[in-house]
């Protein structure tokens, strides 16, 4: 509660709780500290005691030196929960999901039949995956065990996002539809769109942010749909957008696939920043807490800075989607 109100005395107490004997307490304290500060220091609640001790020492040193003046992020929101995990889908004949920790080390990986294209890491550590060839959505645990599945969807899911209701919001590209899929696999809500919706996410306002490509040749659009499926905000003539994400502060982050770029647009739809071209199509990208960007493309997974400098390359090729939690 103190952290949620931006009270700095919470920082030292939370850092102390990282030493708890209760793993759930450690995980909760770690999640709140990450969310409110944007820092991590490599702490893993389930890691080895010696590794945790080193990270706790780094946390305590940071709190003592920076805690009184560092910019804090509050109030806390469930959407800010961080597990320190990255998920990347690899499609093709060796279709799979790879889960990495924040140091880019592999935590686990498992095969996904039918072409893994959509992915979302969930708050409880499970993974939601969309299979393009099977037209299915499946929730897996970290070992690859199937926890829930919806098959025979109206179209292949290019993005999946679990909603508070338990339904899954999916962009069903070939069906030209954004839909909510319930636990029985039935379509509970849908909106028909011109073009191929490649991503969809539910905003705090209740509207749905969509990226739609191939609406007019190679041109598409980014828009917000109200609950009736009506477009109430739109950026038109966007070159092949395949993901749109609303950032804190109101800007919209967009993946421009054929241009091989990522870009940001303001509330008026004006492009205010774009990366350099990356030498080929970009299928997905996610903004990290440090401002760098994870890019998924035919070459695998890369981390770049805002100037386009490659900071890390991952051997996960071809990569279709990435999720950060």
Protein backbone atom coordinates (compact mmCIF):
# COMPACT_ATOMS: atom_id res chain seq x y z
CA UNK A 1 0.00 0.00 0.00
CA UNK A 2 2.85 2.36 0.80
CA UNK A 3 4.58 1.60 -2.50
CA UNK A 4 1.28 2.11 -4.30
CA UNK A 5 1.18 5.63 -2.85
CA UNK A 6 4.82 6.33 -3.77
CA UNK A 7 6.04 6.28 -0.15
CA UNK A 8 9.79 5.70 -0.22
CA UNK A 9 10.02 4.08 3.21
CA UNK A 10 8.48 1.00 1.58
CA UNK A 11 11.64 0.36 -0.47
CA UNK A 12 13.87 -0.77 2.38
CA UNK A 13 11.13 -2.96 3.85
CA UNK A 14 10.50 -4.64 0.50
CA UNK A 15 14.23 -5.21 -0.02
CA UNK A 16 14.30 -6.93 3.37
CA UNK A 17 11.40 -9.18 2.39
CA UNK A 18 13.51 -10.52 -0.49
CA UNK A 19 15.25 -12.57 2.22
CA UNK A 20 12.02 -14.18 3.42
CA UNK A 21 11.93 -17.97 3.83
CA UNK A 22 8.56 -17.92 2.06
CA UNK A 23 9.01 -18.04 -1.73
CA UNK A 24 5.62 -16.38 -2.31
CA UNK A 25 6.60 -13.45 -0.10
CA UNK A 26 9.90 -13.12 -1.96
CA UNK A 27 8.12 -13.17 -5.31
CA UNK A 28 5.56 -10.56 -4.23
CA UNK A 29 8.22 -8.23 -2.81
CA UNK A 30 10.30 -8.66 -5.97
CA UNK A 31 7.31 -7.86 -8.19
CA UNK A 32 6.45 -4.69 -6.29
CA UNK A 33 10.06 -3.48 -6.24
CA UNK A 34 10.44 -4.07 -9.98
CA UNK A 35 7.18 -2.28 -10.72
CA UNK A 36 7.78 0.78 -8.58
CA UNK A 37 11.48 1.29 -9.42
CA UNK A 38 12.05 -0.28 -12.83
CA UNK A 39 15.13 -2.03 -11.37
CA UNK A 40 15.82 -5.76 -10.96
CA UNK A 41 19.52 -6.56 -10.21
CA UNK A 42 19.04 -10.10 -11.48
CA UNK A 43 17.00 -11.20 -8.48
CA UNK A 44 15.14 -14.49 -8.97
CA UNK A 45 12.76 -15.46 -6.11
CA UNK A 46 13.26 -19.12 -7.01
CA UNK A 47 17.00 -18.84 -7.56
CA UNK A 48 19.83 -20.36 -5.55
CA UNK A 49 20.37 -18.84 -2.07
CA UNK A 50 23.84 -17.52 -2.92
CA UNK A 51 22.57 -15.87 -6.11
CA UNK A 52 19.63 -14.35 -4.23
CA UNK A 53 21.96 -13.01 -1.54
CA UNK A 54 24.11 -11.19 -4.10
CA UNK A 55 21.05 -9.63 -5.70
CA UNK A 56 19.61 -8.63 -2.31
CA UNK A 57 22.89 -6.91 -1.45
CA UNK A 58 22.67 -4.97 -4.73
CA UNK A 59 19.06 -4.01 -3.98
CA UNK A 60 19.92 -2.77 -0.49
CA UNK A 61 22.88 -0.77 -1.80
CA UNK A 62 20.66 0.83 -4.45
CA UNK A 63 17.94 1.70 -1.91
CA UNK A 64 20.51 3.31 0.38
CA UNK A 65 22.15 5.32 -2.41
CA UNK A 66 19.27 6.07 -4.81
CA UNK A 67 16.06 5.34 -2.92
CA UNK A 68 15.57 8.89 -1.67
CA UNK A 69 15.79 10.51 -5.09
CA UNK A 70 15.06 7.87 -7.74
CA UNK A 71 11.98 8.35 -9.90
CA UNK A 72 9.27 5.95 -8.76
CA UNK A 73 6.48 4.53 -10.89
CA UNK A 74 3.14 4.58 -9.10
CA UNK A 75 0.35 3.84 -8.48
CA UNK A 76 1.03 0.17 -9.06
CA UNK A 77 -1.14 -1.65 -11.56
CA UNK A 78 -1.50 -5.33 -12.25
CA UNK A 79 -0.27 -4.68 -15.77
CA UNK A 80 3.08 -3.58 -14.31
CA UNK A 81 3.76 -6.93 -12.67
CA UNK A 82 7.11 -8.26 -13.82
CA UNK A 83 8.28 -11.85 -13.65
CA UNK A 84 11.65 -11.11 -15.21
CA UNK A 85 10.82 -13.41 -18.11
CA UNK A 86 10.86 -13.22 -21.91
CA UNK A 87 8.93 -15.60 -24.17
CA UNK A 88 9.67 -15.93 -27.87
CA UNK A 89 7.83 -18.12 -30.37
CA UNK A 90 9.81 -19.87 -33.09
CA UNK A 91 7.72 -20.93 -36.07
CA UNK A 92 8.38 -23.32 -38.94
CA UNK A 93 9.18 -27.03 -38.84
CA UNK A 94 10.69 -26.74 -35.32
CA UNK A 95 7.84 -24.67 -33.89
CA UNK A 96 8.37 -24.00 -30.19
CA UNK A 97 8.24 -21.52 -27.31
CA UNK A 98 11.45 -20.48 -25.55
CA UNK A 99 11.33 -18.81 -22.11
CA UNK A 100 14.33 -16.71 -21.08
CA UNK A 101 15.22 -14.97 -17.85
CA UNK A 102 16.25 -11.32 -17.80
CA UNK A 103 19.88 -12.33 -18.37
CA UNK A 104 18.72 -14.04 -21.60
CA UNK A 105 19.46 -17.52 -20.24
CA UNK A 106 17.01 -20.26 -21.24
CA UNK A 107 14.63 -21.16 -18.41
CA UNK A 108 12.63 -23.70 -20.40
CA UNK A 109 11.45 -24.50 -23.93
CA UNK A 110 8.86 -26.80 -25.41
CA UNK A 111 7.45 -27.74 -28.80
CA UNK A 112 4.18 -26.27 -30.03
CA UNK A 113 2.39 -28.12 -32.85
CA UNK A 114 1.07 -26.32 -35.87
CA UNK A 115 3.18 -23.17 -36.01
CA UNK A 116 3.56 -21.03 -32.88
CA UNK A 117 2.73 -17.47 -33.84
CA UNK A 118 1.10 -15.70 -30.88
CA UNK A 119 2.31 -15.66 -27.27
CA UNK A 120 1.62 -14.00 -23.93
CA UNK A 121 3.33 -14.59 -20.59
CA UNK A 122 0.70 -14.50 -17.83
CA UNK A 123 1.00 -13.19 -14.27
CA UNK A 124 1.10 -16.67 -12.75
CA UNK A 125 3.97 -17.80 -14.96
CA UNK A 126 1.89 -19.80 -17.43
CA UNK A 127 2.10 -19.14 -21.18
CA UNK A 128 -0.70 -18.48 -23.67
CA UNK A 129 0.17 -19.56 -27.23
CA UNK A 130 -1.66 -19.23 -30.54
CA UNK A 131 -1.04 -21.86 -33.22
CA UNK A 132 -1.59 -20.61 -36.76
CA UNK A 133 -1.89 -23.94 -38.58
CA UNK A 134 -4.14 -25.53 -35.94
CA UNK A 135 -6.23 -22.37 -35.44
CA UNK A 136 -5.97 -22.91 -31.71
CA UNK A 137 -5.15 -21.15 -28.44
CA UNK A 138 -3.44 -23.14 -25.71
CA UNK A 139 -2.36 -22.30 -22.17
CA UNK A 140 0.79 -24.16 -21.07
CA UNK A 141 2.63 -24.40 -17.79
CA UNK A 142 6.39 -23.90 -17.73
CA UNK A 143 7.02 -27.56 -18.54
CA UNK A 144 4.87 -27.45 -21.68
CA UNK A 145 1.89 -29.23 -20.11
CA UNK A 146 -1.45 -28.20 -21.63
CA UNK A 147 -3.69 -26.50 -19.07
CA UNK A 148 -6.45 -25.29 -21.40
CA UNK A 149 -7.10 -25.24 -25.10
CA UNK A 150 -9.56 -23.81 -27.62
CA UNK A 151 -9.50 -25.38 -31.10
CA UNK A 152 -11.17 -24.80 -34.47
CA UNK A 153 -11.22 -21.02 -34.19
CA UNK A 154 -12.66 -18.97 -37.09
CA UNK A 155 -9.12 -18.05 -38.12
CA UNK A 156 -5.46 -18.41 -37.09
CA UNK A 157 -4.62 -16.23 -34.07
CA UNK A 158 -1.84 -13.71 -34.72
CA UNK A 159 -2.06 -12.31 -31.17
CA UNK A 160 -3.55 -13.49 -27.89
CA UNK A 161 -4.25 -11.54 -24.70
CA UNK A 162 -5.95 -12.98 -21.64
CA UNK A 163 -8.59 -10.67 -20.18
CA UNK A 164 -9.64 -10.19 -16.55
CA UNK A 165 -12.83 -12.11 -17.37
CA UNK A 166 -10.79 -15.20 -18.23
CA UNK A 167 -11.63 -14.90 -21.90
CA UNK A 168 -8.87 -14.54 -24.50
CA UNK A 169 -8.82 -11.57 -26.86
CA UNK A 170 -7.47 -12.79 -30.21
CA UNK A 171 -6.67 -11.19 -33.54
CA UNK A 172 -7.89 -13.72 -36.12
CA UNK A 173 -6.19 -12.38 -39.21
CA UNK A 174 -7.56 -14.55 -42.02
CA UNK A 175 -11.10 -14.16 -40.66
CA UNK A 176 -10.75 -10.38 -40.58
CA UNK A 177 -11.98 -10.52 -37.00
CA UNK A 178 -11.03 -9.55 -33.47
CA UNK A 179 -12.75 -11.87 -31.01
CA UNK A 180 -13.09 -12.81 -27.36
CA UNK A 181 -12.85 -16.56 -26.90
CA UNK A 182 -14.45 -18.00 -23.75
CA UNK A 183 -13.28 -21.01 -21.73
CA UNK A 184 -15.46 -23.32 -23.83
CA UNK A 185 -13.72 -22.16 -27.00
CA UNK A 186 -16.75 -20.25 -28.23
CA UNK A 187 -16.71 -16.71 -29.62
CA UNK A 188 -18.29 -14.51 -26.94
CA UNK A 189 -17.71 -11.18 -28.73
CA UNK A 190 -16.30 -10.20 -32.09
CA UNK A 191 -15.75 -7.27 -34.40
CA UNK A 192 -15.33 -7.55 -38.16
CA UNK A 193 -12.63 -5.32 -39.66
CA UNK A 194 -11.42 -4.33 -43.11
CA UNK A 195 -8.04 -5.97 -43.60
CA UNK A 196 -6.18 -8.55 -41.50
CA UNK A 197 -6.07 -7.76 -37.76
CA UNK A 198 -2.59 -8.80 -36.59
CA UNK A 199 -2.77 -7.68 -32.96
CA UNK A 200 -5.37 -6.68 -30.41
CA UNK A 201 -5.11 -5.52 -26.80
CA UNK A 202 -7.73 -4.27 -24.36
CA UNK A 203 -7.10 -0.76 -23.01
CA UNK A 204 -7.99 0.57 -19.56
CA UNK A 205 -10.77 2.59 -21.19
CA UNK A 206 -12.43 -0.63 -22.34
CA UNK A 207 -11.62 0.06 -25.98
CA UNK A 208 -9.59 -2.41 -28.03
CA UNK A 209 -6.38 -1.29 -29.72
CA UNK A 210 -5.81 -3.09 -33.03
CA UNK A 211 -3.12 -3.22 -35.69
CA UNK A 212 -4.59 -4.15 -39.07
CA UNK A 213 -2.40 -4.86 -42.07
CA UNK A 214 -3.17 -5.28 -45.76
CA UNK A 215 -6.28 -3.15 -45.58
CA UNK A 216 -5.26 -1.30 -48.78
CA UNK A 217 -2.48 -3.16 -50.52
CA UNK A 218 0.53 -3.04 -48.21
CA UNK A 219 -1.02 -0.22 -46.20
CA UNK A 220 -2.92 -0.78 -42.99
CA UNK A 221 -4.09 1.13 -39.96
CA UNK A 222 -3.97 1.26 -36.18
CA UNK A 223 -7.21 1.97 -34.40
CA UNK A 224 -9.31 1.79 -31.26
CA UNK A 225 -12.60 -0.06 -31.27
CA UNK A 226 -15.39 0.61 -28.79
CA UNK A 227 -17.43 -2.22 -27.27
CA UNK A 228 -19.69 -2.22 -30.34
CA UNK A 229 -16.71 -2.71 -32.66
CA UNK A 230 -16.89 0.85 -34.00
CA UNK A 231 -13.58 2.58 -34.79
CA UNK A 232 -13.37 5.65 -32.55
CA UNK A 233 -9.69 6.54 -33.11
CA UNK A 234 -7.47 5.73 -36.07
CA UNK A 235 -4.05 6.21 -37.62
CA UNK A 236 -4.50 5.54 -41.32
CA UNK A 237 -2.05 4.58 -44.07
CA UNK A 238 0.41 2.81 -41.77
CA UNK A 239 2.87 0.60 -43.69
CA UNK A 240 2.00 -3.01 -42.81
CA UNK A 241 1.48 -2.73 -39.02
CA UNK A 242 1.55 -6.10 -37.23
CA UNK A 243 1.57 -4.98 -33.61
CA UNK A 244 0.32 -1.93 -31.73
CA UNK A 245 0.85 -1.33 -28.01
CA UNK A 246 -0.26 1.64 -25.91
CA UNK A 247 2.68 2.90 -23.85
CA UNK A 248 2.56 4.66 -20.46
CA UNK A 249 2.03 8.34 -21.25
CA UNK A 250 -0.29 7.70 -24.19
CA UNK A 251 2.02 7.07 -27.15
CA UNK A 252 1.36 4.08 -29.36
CA UNK A 253 4.21 1.73 -30.24
CA UNK A 254 3.81 0.10 -33.66
CA UNK A 255 5.71 -2.63 -35.51
CA UNK A 256 6.04 -1.74 -39.21
CA UNK A 257 6.74 -5.17 -40.63
CA UNK A 258 7.70 -4.69 -44.26
CA UNK A 259 9.55 -1.45 -43.52
CA UNK A 260 11.64 -3.37 -40.97
CA UNK A 261 11.07 -0.67 -38.37
CA UNK A 262 9.37 0.09 -35.08
CA UNK A 263 7.81 3.49 -34.45
CA UNK A 264 5.91 5.59 -31.94
CA UNK A 265 2.88 7.77 -32.63
CA UNK A 266 1.32 10.49 -30.48
CA UNK A 267 -2.35 10.80 -29.60
CA UNK A 268 -2.98 12.76 -32.81
CA UNK A 269 -1.54 9.96 -34.92
CA UNK A 270 1.70 11.76 -35.74
CA UNK A 271 4.82 9.63 -35.93
CA UNK A 272 7.22 11.05 -33.33
CA UNK A 273 9.98 8.45 -33.50
CA UNK A 274 11.05 5.53 -35.68
CA UNK A 275 14.00 3.19 -35.60
CA UNK A 276 16.39 2.70 -38.48
CA UNK A 277 15.44 0.01 -40.99
CA UNK A 278 16.61 -3.37 -39.72
CA UNK A 279 17.37 -5.03 -43.02
CA UNK A 280 14.25 -7.15 -43.35
CA UNK A 281 10.70 -7.67 -42.12
CA UNK A 282 10.08 -7.30 -38.37
CA UNK A 283 7.28 -9.52 -37.06
CA UNK A 284 7.08 -8.28 -33.48
CA UNK A 285 8.78 -6.10 -30.88
CA UNK A 286 8.41 -5.16 -27.22
CA UNK A 287 9.67 -2.17 -25.26
CA UNK A 288 11.73 -3.11 -22.21
CA UNK A 289 11.75 -1.21 -18.93
CA UNK A 290 15.18 0.26 -19.73
CA UNK A 291 13.83 1.72 -22.98
CA UNK A 292 15.56 -0.79 -25.23
CA UNK A 293 13.55 -2.86 -27.67
CA UNK A 294 13.34 -6.60 -28.25
CA UNK A 295 12.82 -7.36 -31.93
CA UNK A 296 11.55 -10.67 -33.37
CA UNK A 297 12.26 -11.42 -37.04
CA UNK A 298 13.59 -14.07 -39.40
CA UNK A 299 17.04 -13.70 -37.88
CA UNK A 300 15.82 -14.47 -34.35
CA UNK A 301 15.49 -12.23 -31.32
CA UNK A 302 17.54 -9.05 -30.88
CA UNK A 303 17.81 -6.28 -28.31
CA UNK A 304 18.47 -2.85 -29.75
CA UNK A 305 18.76 0.61 -28.24
CA UNK A 306 16.88 3.69 -29.44
CA UNK A 307 19.66 4.49 -31.90
CA UNK A 308 19.36 1.08 -33.49
CA UNK A 309 22.56 -0.38 -32.04
CA UNK A 310 22.32 -4.14 -31.55
CA UNK A 311 23.11 -4.98 -27.91
CA UNK A 312 22.28 -8.71 -27.99
CA UNK A 313 21.44 -11.44 -30.50
CA UNK A 314 19.51 -14.60 -29.66
CA UNK A 315 19.66 -17.80 -31.76
CA UNK A 316 15.88 -18.23 -31.94
CA UNK A 317 15.21 -18.12 -35.65
CA UNK A 318 12.77 -17.55 -37.21
CA UNK A 319 11.05 -15.66 -34.37
CA UNK A 320 7.41 -14.65 -34.79
CA UNK A 321 6.31 -13.05 -31.50
CA UNK A 322 7.80 -11.92 -28.22
CA UNK A 323 6.24 -11.31 -24.80
CA UNK A 324 7.89 -9.68 -21.79
CA UNK A 325 6.63 -10.05 -18.23
